[in-house]
PDB file of all heavy atoms in Angstrom:
ATOM      1  N   GLY A   1       0.789  -1.223   0.000  1.00  0.00           N
ATOM      2  CA  GLY A   1       0.000   0.000   0.000  1.00  0.00           C
ATOM      3  C   GLY A   1       0.818   1.267   0.000  1.00  0.00           C
ATOM      4  O   GLY A   1       0.281   2.373  -0.055  1.00  0.00           O
ATOM      5  N   LEU A   2       2.148   1.120   0.051  1.00  0.00           N
ATOM      6  CA  LEU A   2       3.038   2.270   0.141  1.00  0.00           C
ATOM      7  C   LEU A   2       3.813   2.443  -1.159  1.00  0.00           C
ATOM      8  O   LEU A   2       4.505   1.527  -1.603  1.00  0.00           O
ATOM      9  CB  LEU A   2       4.008   2.069   1.300  1.00  0.00           C
ATOM     10  CG  LEU A   2       4.723   3.290   1.884  1.00  0.00           C
ATOM     11  CD1 LEU A   2       3.725   4.254   2.495  1.00  0.00           C
ATOM     12  CD2 LEU A   2       5.711   2.835   2.947  1.00  0.00           C
ATOM     13  N   THR A   3       3.677   3.614  -1.764  1.00  0.00           N
ATOM     14  CA  THR A   3       4.446   3.952  -2.962  1.00  0.00           C
ATOM     15  C   THR A   3       5.431   5.049  -2.601  1.00  0.00           C
ATOM     16  O   THR A   3       5.041   6.078  -2.039  1.00  0.00           O
ATOM     17  CB  THR A   3       3.520   4.448  -4.092  1.00  0.00           C
ATOM     18  OG1 THR A   3       2.584   3.421  -4.410  1.00  0.00           O
ATOM     19  CG2 THR A   3       4.328   4.806  -5.327  1.00  0.00           C
ATOM     20  N   VAL A   4       6.708   4.833  -2.903  1.00  0.00           N
ATOM     21  CA  VAL A   4       7.739   5.815  -2.551  1.00  0.00           C
ATOM     22  C   VAL A   4       8.237   6.503  -3.817  1.00  0.00           C
ATOM     23  O   VAL A   4       8.691   5.851  -4.760  1.00  0.00           O
ATOM     24  CB  VAL A   4       8.918   5.137  -1.821  1.00  0.00           C
ATOM     25  CG1 VAL A   4       9.981   6.182  -1.466  1.00  0.00           C
ATOM     26  CG2 VAL A   4       8.424   4.430  -0.566  1.00  0.00           C
ATOM     27  N   HIS A   5       8.126   7.836  -3.824  1.00  0.00           N
ATOM     28  CA  HIS A   5       8.640   8.647  -4.933  1.00  0.00           C
ATOM     29  C   HIS A   5       9.938   9.294  -4.459  1.00  0.00           C
ATOM     30  O   HIS A   5       9.957  10.014  -3.458  1.00  0.00           O
ATOM     31  CB  HIS A   5       7.630   9.718  -5.334  1.00  0.00           C
ATOM     32  CG  HIS A   5       8.097  10.587  -6.466  1.00  0.00           C
ATOM     33  ND1 HIS A   5       8.999  11.612  -6.291  1.00  0.00           N
ATOM     34  CD2 HIS A   5       7.799  10.563  -7.793  1.00  0.00           C
ATOM     35  CE1 HIS A   5       9.226  12.194  -7.453  1.00  0.00           C
ATOM     36  NE2 HIS A   5       8.514  11.578  -8.380  1.00  0.00           N
ATOM     37  N   THR A   6      11.009   9.034  -5.189  1.00  0.00           N
ATOM     38  CA  THR A   6      12.323   9.553  -4.800  1.00  0.00           C
ATOM     39  C   THR A   6      12.781  10.646  -5.759  1.00  0.00           C
ATOM     40  O   THR A   6      12.703  10.467  -6.979  1.00  0.00           O
ATOM     41  CB  THR A   6      13.365   8.421  -4.791  1.00  0.00           C
ATOM     42  OG1 THR A   6      12.901   7.360  -3.960  1.00  0.00           O
ATOM     43  CG2 THR A   6      14.693   8.921  -4.264  1.00  0.00           C
ATOM     44  N   GLY A   7      13.264  11.759  -5.206  1.00  0.00           N
ATOM     45  CA  GLY A   7      13.789  12.845  -6.032  1.00  0.00           C
ATOM     46  C   GLY A   7      13.158  14.172  -5.679  1.00  0.00           C
ATOM     47  O   GLY A   7      11.983  14.241  -5.317  1.00  0.00           O
ATOM     48  N   ARG A   8      13.950  15.216  -5.778  1.00  0.00           N
ATOM     49  CA  ARG A   8      13.448  16.558  -5.501  1.00  0.00           C
ATOM     50  C   ARG A   8      12.525  17.004  -6.629  1.00  0.00           C
ATOM     51  O   ARG A   8      12.780  16.717  -7.799  1.00  0.00           O
ATOM     52  CB  ARG A   8      14.607  17.545  -5.328  1.00  0.00           C
ATOM     53  CG  ARG A   8      15.575  17.116  -4.231  1.00  0.00           C
ATOM     54  CD  ARG A   8      16.678  18.133  -4.008  1.00  0.00           C
ATOM     55  NE  ARG A   8      17.697  17.599  -3.133  1.00  0.00           N
ATOM     56  CZ  ARG A   8      17.621  17.562  -1.799  1.00  0.00           C
ATOM     57  NH1 ARG A   8      16.538  18.038  -1.205  1.00  0.00           N
ATOM     58  NH2 ARG A   8      18.605  17.059  -1.075  1.00  0.00           N
ATOM     59  N   MET A   9      11.475  17.738  -6.268  1.00  0.00           N
ATOM     60  CA  MET A   9      10.493  18.192  -7.246  1.00  0.00           C
ATOM     61  C   MET A   9      10.214  19.676  -7.084  1.00  0.00           C
ATOM     62  O   MET A   9      10.269  20.210  -5.969  1.00  0.00           O
ATOM     63  CB  MET A   9       9.174  17.428  -7.080  1.00  0.00           C
ATOM     64  CG  MET A   9       9.234  15.960  -7.420  1.00  0.00           C
ATOM     65  SD  MET A   9       7.592  15.168  -7.234  1.00  0.00           S
ATOM     66  CE  MET A   9       7.501  15.056  -5.439  1.00  0.00           C
ATOM     67  N   GLU A  10       9.921  20.323  -8.199  1.00  0.00           N
ATOM     68  CA  GLU A  10       9.428  21.693  -8.162  1.00  0.00           C
ATOM     69  C   GLU A  10       7.916  21.651  -7.944  1.00  0.00           C
ATOM     70  O   GLU A  10       7.280  20.588  -8.017  1.00  0.00           O
ATOM     71  CB  GLU A  10       9.768  22.414  -9.464  1.00  0.00           C
ATOM     72  CG  GLU A  10      11.261  22.540  -9.730  1.00  0.00           C
ATOM     73  CD  GLU A  10      11.986  23.331  -8.661  1.00  0.00           C
ATOM     74  OE1 GLU A  10      11.373  24.259  -8.084  1.00  0.00           O
ATOM     75  OE2 GLU A  10      13.160  23.019  -8.396  1.00  0.00           O
ATOM     76  N   ALA A  11       7.335  22.828  -7.686  1.00  0.00           N
ATOM     77  CA  ALA A  11       5.916  22.893  -7.361  1.00  0.00           C
ATOM     78  C   ALA A  11       5.047  22.289  -8.461  1.00  0.00           C
ATOM     79  O   ALA A  11       4.055  21.603  -8.179  1.00  0.00           O
ATOM     80  CB  ALA A  11       5.505  24.335  -7.075  1.00  0.00           C
ATOM     81  N   GLU A  12       5.402  22.512  -9.720  1.00  0.00           N
ATOM     82  CA  GLU A  12       4.603  21.995 -10.834  1.00  0.00           C
ATOM     83  C   GLU A  12       4.604  20.464 -10.824  1.00  0.00           C
ATOM     84  O   GLU A  12       3.560  19.827 -11.054  1.00  0.00           O
ATOM     85  CB  GLU A  12       5.155  22.509 -12.167  1.00  0.00           C
ATOM     86  CG  GLU A  12       4.953  24.002 -12.404  1.00  0.00           C
ATOM     87  CD  GLU A  12       3.492  24.332 -12.687  1.00  0.00           C
ATOM     88  OE1 GLU A  12       2.758  23.432 -13.128  1.00  0.00           O
ATOM     89  OE2 GLU A  12       3.092  25.484 -12.458  1.00  0.00           O
ATOM     90  N   GLU A  13       5.747  19.868 -10.572  1.00  0.00           N
ATOM     91  CA  GLU A  13       5.835  18.414 -10.526  1.00  0.00           C
ATOM     92  C   GLU A  13       5.051  17.859  -9.336  1.00  0.00           C
ATOM     93  O   GLU A  13       4.396  16.813  -9.433  1.00  0.00           O
ATOM     94  CB  GLU A  13       7.293  17.991 -10.432  1.00  0.00           C
ATOM     95  CG  GLU A  13       8.153  18.382 -11.626  1.00  0.00           C
ATOM     96  CD  GLU A  13       9.609  18.129 -11.379  1.00  0.00           C
ATOM     97  OE1 GLU A  13      10.220  18.851 -10.560  1.00  0.00           O
ATOM     98  OE2 GLU A  13      10.163  17.205 -12.011  1.00  0.00           O
ATOM     99  N   MET A  14       5.118  18.576  -8.221  1.00  0.00           N
ATOM    100  CA  MET A  14       4.355  18.158  -7.049  1.00  0.00           C
ATOM    101  C   MET A  14       2.863  18.190  -7.341  1.00  0.00           C
ATOM    102  O   MET A  14       2.115  17.271  -6.967  1.00  0.00           O
ATOM    103  CB  MET A  14       4.664  19.079  -5.862  1.00  0.00           C
ATOM    104  CG  MET A  14       6.062  18.970  -5.303  1.00  0.00           C
ATOM    105  SD  MET A  14       6.299  20.170  -3.957  1.00  0.00           S
ATOM    106  CE  MET A  14       7.976  19.824  -3.468  1.00  0.00           C
ATOM    107  N   ALA A  15       2.415  19.257  -7.999  1.00  0.00           N
ATOM    108  CA  ALA A  15       0.982  19.401  -8.308  1.00  0.00           C
ATOM    109  C   ALA A  15       0.505  18.249  -9.174  1.00  0.00           C
ATOM    110  O   ALA A  15      -0.596  17.719  -8.975  1.00  0.00           O
ATOM    111  CB  ALA A  15       0.722  20.737  -8.994  1.00  0.00           C
ATOM    112  N   ALA A  16       1.318  17.842 -10.135  1.00  0.00           N
ATOM    113  CA  ALA A  16       0.943  16.719 -11.001  1.00  0.00           C
ATOM    114  C   ALA A  16       0.828  15.430 -10.202  1.00  0.00           C
ATOM    115  O   ALA A  16      -0.085  14.629 -10.404  1.00  0.00           O
ATOM    116  CB  ALA A  16       1.966  16.569 -12.123  1.00  0.00           C
ATOM    117  N   LEU A  17       1.733  15.213  -9.277  1.00  0.00           N
ATOM    118  CA  LEU A  17       1.695  14.013  -8.457  1.00  0.00           C
ATOM    119  C   LEU A  17       0.491  14.021  -7.513  1.00  0.00           C
ATOM    120  O   LEU A  17      -0.075  12.973  -7.187  1.00  0.00           O
ATOM    121  CB  LEU A  17       2.994  13.894  -7.662  1.00  0.00           C
ATOM    122  CG  LEU A  17       3.169  12.646  -6.796  1.00  0.00           C
ATOM    123  CD1 LEU A  17       4.616  12.179  -6.820  1.00  0.00           C
ATOM    124  CD2 LEU A  17       2.753  12.912  -5.345  1.00  0.00           C
ATOM    125  N   LEU A  18       0.090  15.223  -7.072  1.00  0.00           N
ATOM    126  CA  LEU A  18      -1.007  15.353  -6.114  1.00  0.00           C
ATOM    127  C   LEU A  18      -2.387  15.192  -6.742  1.00  0.00           C
ATOM    128  O   LEU A  18      -3.379  15.051  -6.018  1.00  0.00           O
ATOM    129  CB  LEU A  18      -0.939  16.733  -5.442  1.00  0.00           C
ATOM    130  CG  LEU A  18       0.135  16.905  -4.369  1.00  0.00           C
ATOM    131  CD1 LEU A  18       0.385  18.380  -4.099  1.00  0.00           C
ATOM    132  CD2 LEU A  18      -0.283  16.192  -3.086  1.00  0.00           C
ATOM    133  N   ALA A  19      -2.481  15.203  -8.056  1.00  0.00           N
ATOM    134  CA  ALA A  19      -3.782  15.148  -8.728  1.00  0.00           C
ATOM    135  C   ALA A  19      -4.601  13.954  -8.236  1.00  0.00           C
ATOM    136  O   ALA A  19      -4.141  12.819  -8.271  1.00  0.00           O
ATOM    137  CB  ALA A  19      -3.583  15.058 -10.243  1.00  0.00           C
ATOM    138  N   GLY A  20      -5.798  14.242  -7.734  1.00  0.00           N
ATOM    139  CA  GLY A  20      -6.693  13.195  -7.274  1.00  0.00           C
ATOM    140  C   GLY A  20      -6.482  12.757  -5.842  1.00  0.00           C
ATOM    141  O   GLY A  20      -7.211  11.882  -5.349  1.00  0.00           O
ATOM    142  N   ALA A  21      -5.500  13.330  -5.136  1.00  0.00           N
ATOM    143  CA  ALA A  21      -5.246  12.942  -3.748  1.00  0.00           C
ATOM    144  C   ALA A  21      -6.337  13.470  -2.826  1.00  0.00           C
ATOM    145  O   ALA A  21      -6.933  14.523  -3.075  1.00  0.00           O
ATOM    146  CB  ALA A  21      -3.881  13.456  -3.292  1.00  0.00           C
ATOM    147  N   ALA A  22      -6.617  12.741  -1.758  1.00  0.00           N
ATOM    148  CA  ALA A  22      -7.609  13.174  -0.774  1.00  0.00           C
ATOM    149  C   ALA A  22      -7.023  14.183   0.203  1.00  0.00           C
ATOM    150  O   ALA A  22      -7.721  15.069   0.700  1.00  0.00           O
ATOM    151  CB  ALA A  22      -8.149  11.969  -0.017  1.00  0.00           C
ATOM    152  N   LEU A  23      -5.736  14.063   0.476  1.00  0.00           N
ATOM    153  CA  LEU A  23      -5.091  14.922   1.472  1.00  0.00           C
ATOM    154  C   LEU A  23      -3.584  14.848   1.289  1.00  0.00           C
ATOM    155  O   LEU A  23      -3.044  13.799   0.928  1.00  0.00           O
ATOM    156  CB  LEU A  23      -5.461  14.466   2.886  1.00  0.00           C
ATOM    157  CG  LEU A  23      -4.901  15.256   4.073  1.00  0.00           C
ATOM    158  CD1 LEU A  23      -5.463  16.680   4.086  1.00  0.00           C
ATOM    159  CD2 LEU A  23      -5.229  14.559   5.385  1.00  0.00           C
ATOM    160  N   CYS A  24      -2.919  15.955   1.548  1.00  0.00           N
ATOM    161  CA  CYS A  24      -1.455  16.006   1.535  1.00  0.00           C
ATOM    162  C   CYS A  24      -0.960  16.373   2.925  1.00  0.00           C
ATOM    163  O   CYS A  24      -1.512  17.285   3.573  1.00  0.00           O
ATOM    164  CB  CYS A  24      -0.973  17.038   0.520  1.00  0.00           C
ATOM    165  SG  CYS A  24       0.822  17.339   0.560  1.00  0.00           S
ATOM    166  N   VAL A  25       0.044  15.675   3.386  1.00  0.00           N
ATOM    167  CA  VAL A  25       0.672  15.992   4.669  1.00  0.00           C
ATOM    168  C   VAL A  25       2.120  16.389   4.415  1.00  0.00           C
ATOM    169  O   VAL A  25       2.905  15.603   3.867  1.00  0.00           O
ATOM    170  CB  VAL A  25       0.622  14.796   5.647  1.00  0.00           C
ATOM    171  CG1 VAL A  25       1.308  15.171   6.964  1.00  0.00           C
ATOM    172  CG2 VAL A  25      -0.815  14.367   5.903  1.00  0.00           C
ATOM    173  N   ASP A  26       2.457  17.604   4.796  1.00  0.00           N
ATOM    174  CA  ASP A  26       3.832  18.081   4.705  1.00  0.00           C
ATOM    175  C   ASP A  26       4.530  17.713   6.006  1.00  0.00           C
ATOM    176  O   ASP A  26       4.366  18.379   7.020  1.00  0.00           O
ATOM    177  CB  ASP A  26       3.836  19.603   4.486  1.00  0.00           C
ATOM    178  CG  ASP A  26       5.242  20.197   4.539  1.00  0.00           C
ATOM    179  OD1 ASP A  26       6.223  19.425   4.583  1.00  0.00           O
ATOM    180  OD2 ASP A  26       5.348  21.448   4.542  1.00  0.00           O
ATOM    181  N   ALA A  27       5.288  16.631   5.966  1.00  0.00           N
ATOM    182  CA  ALA A  27       6.025  16.167   7.141  1.00  0.00           C
ATOM    183  C   ALA A  27       7.526  16.339   6.928  1.00  0.00           C
ATOM    184  O   ALA A  27       8.332  15.562   7.444  1.00  0.00           O
ATOM    185  CB  ALA A  27       5.696  14.710   7.437  1.00  0.00           C
ATOM    186  N   THR A  28       7.910  17.363   6.162  1.00  0.00           N
ATOM    187  CA  THR A  28       9.324  17.635   5.945  1.00  0.00           C
ATOM    188  C   THR A  28       9.937  18.240   7.207  1.00  0.00           C
ATOM    189  O   THR A  28       9.237  18.585   8.162  1.00  0.00           O
ATOM    190  CB  THR A  28       9.519  18.590   4.757  1.00  0.00           C
ATOM    191  OG1 THR A  28       8.778  19.802   4.989  1.00  0.00           O
ATOM    192  CG2 THR A  28       9.034  17.949   3.464  1.00  0.00           C
ATOM    193  N   HIS A  29      11.243  18.388   7.200  1.00  0.00           N
ATOM    194  CA  HIS A  29      11.976  18.884   8.364  1.00  0.00           C
ATOM    195  C   HIS A  29      11.536  20.308   8.704  1.00  0.00           C
ATOM    196  O   HIS A  29      11.181  21.093   7.815  1.00  0.00           O
ATOM    197  CB  HIS A  29      13.478  18.855   8.067  1.00  0.00           C
ATOM    198  CG  HIS A  29      14.331  18.987   9.276  1.00  0.00           C
ATOM    199  ND1 HIS A  29      14.702  20.213   9.794  1.00  0.00           N
ATOM    200  CD2 HIS A  29      14.882  18.049  10.083  1.00  0.00           C
ATOM    201  CE1 HIS A  29      15.453  20.019  10.861  1.00  0.00           C
ATOM    202  NE2 HIS A  29      15.584  18.725  11.063  1.00  0.00           N
ATOM    203  N   PRO A  30      11.540  20.672   9.996  1.00  0.00           N
ATOM    204  CA  PRO A  30      11.135  22.031  10.384  1.00  0.00           C
ATOM    205  C   PRO A  30      11.923  23.146   9.693  1.00  0.00           C
ATOM    206  O   PRO A  30      11.436  24.276   9.604  1.00  0.00           O
ATOM    207  CB  PRO A  30      11.382  22.049  11.902  1.00  0.00           C
ATOM    208  CG  PRO A  30      11.282  20.629  12.318  1.00  0.00           C
ATOM    209  CD  PRO A  30      11.825  19.828  11.170  1.00  0.00           C
ATOM    210  N   TYR A  31      13.136  22.840   9.207  1.00  0.00           N
ATOM    211  CA  TYR A  31      13.952  23.856   8.556  1.00  0.00           C
ATOM    212  C   TYR A  31      13.829  23.844   7.032  1.00  0.00           C
ATOM    213  O   TYR A  31      14.486  24.640   6.364  1.00  0.00           O
ATOM    214  CB  TYR A  31      15.421  23.677   8.947  1.00  0.00           C
ATOM    215  CG  TYR A  31      15.708  24.084  10.376  1.00  0.00           C
ATOM    216  CD1 TYR A  31      15.379  23.249  11.430  1.00  0.00           C
ATOM    217  CD2 TYR A  31      16.282  25.316  10.681  1.00  0.00           C
ATOM    218  CE1 TYR A  31      15.619  23.604  12.753  1.00  0.00           C
ATOM    219  CE2 TYR A  31      16.529  25.693  11.988  1.00  0.00           C
ATOM    220  CZ  TYR A  31      16.197  24.834  13.024  1.00  0.00           C
ATOM    221  OH  TYR A  31      16.426  25.206  14.326  1.00  0.00           O
ATOM    222  N   ALA A  32      12.982  22.969   6.508  1.00  0.00           N
ATOM    223  CA  ALA A  32      12.835  22.857   5.050  1.00  0.00           C
ATOM    224  C   ALA A  32      11.813  23.885   4.559  1.00  0.00           C
ATOM    225  O   ALA A  32      10.753  23.539   4.034  1.00  0.00           O
ATOM    226  CB  ALA A  32      12.415  21.451   4.672  1.00  0.00           C
ATOM    227  N   ARG A  33      12.141  25.153   4.723  1.00  0.00           N
ATOM    228  CA  ARG A  33      11.182  26.223   4.416  1.00  0.00           C
ATOM    229  C   ARG A  33      10.799  26.258   2.945  1.00  0.00           C
ATOM    230  O   ARG A  33       9.610  26.346   2.612  1.00  0.00           O
ATOM    231  CB  ARG A  33      11.773  27.581   4.821  1.00  0.00           C
ATOM    232  CG  ARG A  33      10.851  28.753   4.511  1.00  0.00           C
ATOM    233  CD  ARG A  33      11.355  30.028   5.140  1.00  0.00           C
ATOM    234  NE  ARG A  33      12.747  30.307   4.796  1.00  0.00           N
ATOM    235  CZ  ARG A  33      13.461  31.281   5.350  1.00  0.00           C
ATOM    236  NH1 ARG A  33      12.924  32.055   6.270  1.00  0.00           N
ATOM    237  NH2 ARG A  33      14.722  31.478   4.985  1.00  0.00           N
ATOM    238  N   GLN A  34      11.781  26.173   2.049  1.00  0.00           N
ATOM    239  CA  GLN A  34      11.470  26.254   0.627  1.00  0.00           C
ATOM    240  C   GLN A  34      10.633  25.076   0.178  1.00  0.00           C
ATOM    241  O   GLN A  34       9.697  25.228  -0.611  1.00  0.00           O
ATOM    242  CB  GLN A  34      12.756  26.323  -0.195  1.00  0.00           C
ATOM    243  CG  GLN A  34      12.529  26.595  -1.684  1.00  0.00           C
ATOM    244  CD  GLN A  34      11.788  27.901  -1.922  1.00  0.00           C
ATOM    245  OE1 GLN A  34      12.236  28.964  -1.507  1.00  0.00           O
ATOM    246  NE2 GLN A  34      10.636  27.838  -2.587  1.00  0.00           N
ATOM    247  N   ALA A  35      10.946  23.896   0.684  1.00  0.00           N
ATOM    248  CA  ALA A  35      10.170  22.713   0.321  1.00  0.00           C
ATOM    249  C   ALA A  35       8.723  22.867   0.769  1.00  0.00           C
ATOM    250  O   ALA A  35       7.789  22.542   0.025  1.00  0.00           O
ATOM    251  CB  ALA A  35      10.783  21.465   0.936  1.00  0.00           C
ATOM    252  N   SER A  36       8.527  23.385   1.977  1.00  0.00           N
ATOM    253  CA  SER A  36       7.164  23.575   2.480  1.00  0.00           C
ATOM    254  C   SER A  36       6.393  24.586   1.644  1.00  0.00           C
ATOM    255  O   SER A  36       5.201  24.404   1.369  1.00  0.00           O
ATOM    256  CB  SER A  36       7.196  24.024   3.946  1.00  0.00           C
ATOM    257  OG  SER A  36       7.531  22.949   4.794  1.00  0.00           O
ATOM    258  N   GLU A  37       7.061  25.649   1.237  1.00  0.00           N
ATOM    259  CA  GLU A  37       6.393  26.643   0.408  1.00  0.00           C
ATOM    260  C   GLU A  37       5.996  26.037  -0.939  1.00  0.00           C
ATOM    261  O   GLU A  37       4.896  26.298  -1.445  1.00  0.00           O
ATOM    262  CB  GLU A  37       7.303  27.857   0.211  1.00  0.00           C
ATOM    263  CG  GLU A  37       7.500  28.673   1.474  1.00  0.00           C
ATOM    264  CD  GLU A  37       8.462  29.834   1.279  1.00  0.00           C
ATOM    265  OE1 GLU A  37       9.037  29.944   0.167  1.00  0.00           O
ATOM    266  OE2 GLU A  37       8.649  30.610   2.230  1.00  0.00           O
TER     267      GLU A  37
END
């Protein structure tokens, strides 16, 4: 049930991956400001 996507992504790539998702959880490191944005 677990799919792992490896690699850094820009916002556009993230949006494509998120299509159809019920919910997104940003569990990145507290200092990962750019990634969270």
